[in-house]
Protein backbone atom coordinates (compact mmCIF):
# COMPACT_ATOMS: atom_id res chain seq x y z
CA MET A 1 -135.68 167.88 -1.53
CA SER A 2 -139.21 168.26 -2.81
CA GLU A 3 -141.61 165.42 -3.39
CA ILE A 4 -140.55 162.86 -5.99
CA ASN A 5 -143.24 161.83 -8.48
CA VAL A 6 -142.75 158.67 -10.56
CA ARG A 7 -145.15 158.23 -13.47
CA ARG A 8 -145.52 156.28 -16.67
CA ALA A 9 -144.28 158.35 -19.59
CA GLU A 10 -146.62 159.49 -22.35
CA ARG A 11 -145.84 160.26 -25.98
CA ALA A 12 -145.43 163.94 -25.06
CA ASP A 13 -142.45 162.80 -22.92
CA ALA A 14 -140.57 161.38 -25.92
CA GLY A 15 -138.06 164.25 -26.00
CA VAL A 16 -137.41 163.93 -22.27
CA MET A 17 -136.92 160.17 -22.57
CA LEU A 18 -134.50 160.57 -25.47
CA SER A 19 -132.56 163.30 -23.69
CA LEU A 20 -132.16 161.17 -20.56
CA VAL A 21 -131.23 158.03 -22.56
CA CYS A 22 -128.54 160.07 -24.36
CA ALA A 23 -127.30 161.38 -21.00
CA LEU A 24 -127.08 157.77 -19.79
CA ALA A 25 -125.02 156.84 -22.84
CA GLU A 26 -122.66 159.72 -22.10
CA TYR A 27 -122.38 158.65 -18.43
CA GLU A 28 -121.55 155.09 -19.51
CA LYS A 29 -119.08 156.39 -22.14
CA LEU A 30 -121.10 154.82 -24.96
CA SER A 31 -122.39 156.19 -28.25
CA PRO A 32 -125.92 157.54 -27.89
CA PRO A 33 -128.70 156.20 -30.09
CA ASP A 34 -128.53 157.69 -33.59
CA ALA A 35 -131.55 159.40 -35.18
CA GLU A 36 -133.00 156.13 -36.52
CA ALA A 37 -132.57 154.39 -33.17
CA GLN A 38 -134.22 157.33 -31.42
CA GLU A 39 -137.23 157.00 -33.75
CA ARG A 40 -137.43 153.29 -32.90
CA LEU A 41 -137.22 154.02 -29.17
CA VAL A 42 -140.17 156.38 -29.42
CA GLU A 43 -142.19 153.93 -31.52
CA HIS A 44 -141.29 150.95 -29.33
CA THR A 45 -142.46 152.61 -26.13
CA PHE A 46 -145.33 154.80 -27.34
CA GLY A 47 -146.49 152.98 -30.50
CA PRO A 48 -149.45 150.60 -30.89
CA CYS A 49 -147.44 147.51 -29.81
CA PRO A 50 -145.10 148.68 -27.03
CA LYS A 51 -142.01 146.58 -26.47
CA PHE A 52 -141.06 148.33 -23.22
CA GLU A 53 -142.37 150.93 -20.80
CA THR A 54 -140.80 154.24 -19.89
CA TRP A 55 -141.15 155.73 -16.42
CA ILE A 56 -140.17 159.29 -15.55
CA ALA A 57 -139.29 160.64 -12.11
CA GLU A 58 -139.92 164.31 -11.50
CA VAL A 59 -139.00 166.72 -8.75
CA ASP A 60 -140.94 170.00 -8.76
CA GLN A 61 -142.41 168.88 -12.12
CA ARG A 62 -138.89 168.72 -13.59
CA PRO A 63 -137.81 165.35 -15.11
CA VAL A 64 -134.75 164.06 -13.24
CA ALA A 65 -134.74 160.32 -13.98
CA VAL A 66 -135.84 157.73 -16.50
CA ALA A 67 -136.41 153.99 -16.22
CA LEU A 68 -137.06 151.58 -19.08
CA VAL A 69 -138.67 148.26 -18.14
CA PHE A 70 -140.23 145.22 -19.76
CA GLU A 71 -141.47 141.83 -18.64
CA THR A 72 -139.58 138.59 -19.10
CA TYR A 73 -140.62 135.21 -17.74
CA SER A 74 -139.21 132.82 -15.16
CA SER A 75 -139.99 129.22 -16.04
CA PHE A 76 -138.91 128.05 -12.56
CA LEU A 77 -141.14 130.52 -10.72
CA ALA A 78 -143.84 130.27 -13.41
CA ARG A 79 -144.28 134.03 -13.05
CA PRO A 80 -143.26 137.11 -14.99
CA THR A 81 -140.14 139.07 -14.06
CA LEU A 82 -140.03 142.83 -14.29
CA HIS A 83 -136.72 143.61 -16.01
CA LEU A 84 -135.23 147.06 -15.52
CA GLU A 85 -133.19 147.74 -18.65
CA ASP A 86 -132.05 151.26 -17.83
CA LEU A 87 -132.23 153.58 -14.85
CA PHE A 88 -130.63 157.01 -15.05
CA VAL A 89 -130.78 159.85 -12.56
CA VAL A 90 -129.35 163.23 -13.57
CA PRO A 91 -126.22 164.07 -11.55
CA GLU A 92 -127.75 166.95 -9.59
CA ALA A 93 -130.57 164.68 -8.32
CA ARG A 94 -128.35 161.80 -7.18
CA ARG A 95 -128.08 160.88 -3.51
CA LYS A 96 -131.41 162.58 -2.86
CA GLY A 97 -133.68 159.53 -2.91
CA VAL A 98 -134.71 159.71 -6.56
CA GLY A 99 -133.23 156.35 -7.57
CA THR A 100 -134.71 154.70 -4.49
CA ALA A 101 -138.12 156.22 -5.25
CA VAL A 102 -137.97 154.84 -8.81
CA LEU A 103 -136.90 151.37 -7.61
CA ARG A 104 -139.61 151.33 -4.93
CA HIS A 105 -142.24 152.40 -7.49
CA LEU A 106 -141.13 149.67 -9.90
CA ALA A 107 -141.05 147.07 -7.12
CA ARG A 108 -144.67 147.97 -6.29
CA GLU A 109 -145.46 147.69 -10.02
CA ALA A 110 -143.84 144.23 -10.13
CA VAL A 111 -145.83 143.06 -7.10
CA SER A 112 -149.09 144.41 -8.54
CA ARG A 113 -148.46 142.46 -11.77
CA GLY A 114 -147.79 139.21 -9.93
CA CYS A 115 -144.12 139.17 -10.85
CA GLY A 116 -141.95 136.72 -8.96
CA ARG A 117 -138.97 139.05 -9.09
CA MET A 118 -137.45 142.19 -10.50
CA GLU A 119 -134.04 142.10 -12.14
CA TRP A 120 -131.49 144.44 -13.67
CA THR A 121 -127.79 144.58 -14.39
CA VAL A 122 -125.16 146.97 -13.13
CA LEU A 123 -121.76 147.76 -14.60
CA ASP A 124 -118.84 146.37 -12.64
CA TRP A 125 -117.20 149.81 -12.34
CA ASN A 126 -120.35 151.54 -11.05
CA GLU A 127 -119.70 151.02 -7.35
CA MET A 128 -121.99 153.90 -6.35
CA ALA A 129 -124.94 152.14 -8.00
CA GLN A 130 -123.94 148.74 -6.62
CA ASN A 131 -123.86 150.14 -3.09
CA ALA A 132 -127.23 151.82 -3.57
CA TYR A 133 -128.76 148.59 -4.91
CA ARG A 134 -127.40 146.55 -1.99
CA LYS A 135 -128.76 149.15 0.44
CA PHE A 136 -132.13 148.86 -1.30
CA GLY A 137 -132.05 145.09 -0.61
CA ALA A 138 -130.92 143.72 -3.98
CA THR A 139 -128.52 140.83 -4.32
CA ILE A 140 -125.82 141.23 -6.95
CA LEU A 141 -125.39 137.79 -8.50
CA GLU A 142 -121.68 137.09 -8.84
CA ASP A 143 -122.09 133.69 -10.48
CA TRP A 144 -124.15 134.78 -13.51
CA ARG A 145 -122.67 136.27 -16.67
CA ILE A 146 -124.52 137.99 -19.48
CA CYS A 147 -124.15 136.38 -22.91
CA ARG A 148 -124.73 138.59 -25.92
CA LEU A 149 -125.02 138.19 -29.67
CA SER A 150 -125.09 141.41 -31.66
CA GLY A 151 -124.12 142.83 -35.03
CA GLU A 152 -122.32 140.41 -37.33
CA ALA A 153 -122.23 137.67 -34.69
CA LEU A 154 -126.02 137.78 -34.42
CA GLN A 155 -126.38 137.70 -38.21
CA ALA A 156 -123.98 134.75 -38.43
CA ALA A 157 -125.80 132.85 -35.67
CA ALA A 158 -129.07 133.41 -37.53
CA GLY A 159 -127.48 132.00 -40.66
CA ALA A 160 -127.76 135.31 -42.47
CA ASP A 161 -125.06 137.09 -44.41
CA PRO A 162 -123.61 139.98 -42.37
């Protein structure tokens, strides 16, 4: 395989980012972001007050992977955490080192920012990804569960009418 280049996405990459995010949704058997959500994604990563960063991996100048990251904070480490929200590699580029190159690039980014750790989640059925993450050196935390409020439950918790 040719050299893998991982770079921070620019506004001109918005279409690539959206295409890869939609491909991720399809892979995970979820509904892709609708038109309004796609507009927000573009604004939230490339607008004046970014809420997350988008990274693109290319092989032979062809986009083959996307990663969306943002910083959270660990009160116990008293350091930021680089959180990887999404990582998607197109099927034809899998098992060729692209995912590892993206993770390594992001780990270097986390270290350069003074982060105490880098975290992400993985679906329980995605054994291929779990194996790759373990091989990379990650620990999959079995004793932590994600809690989520969304939609009407979020509105109710906020005290708002749904």
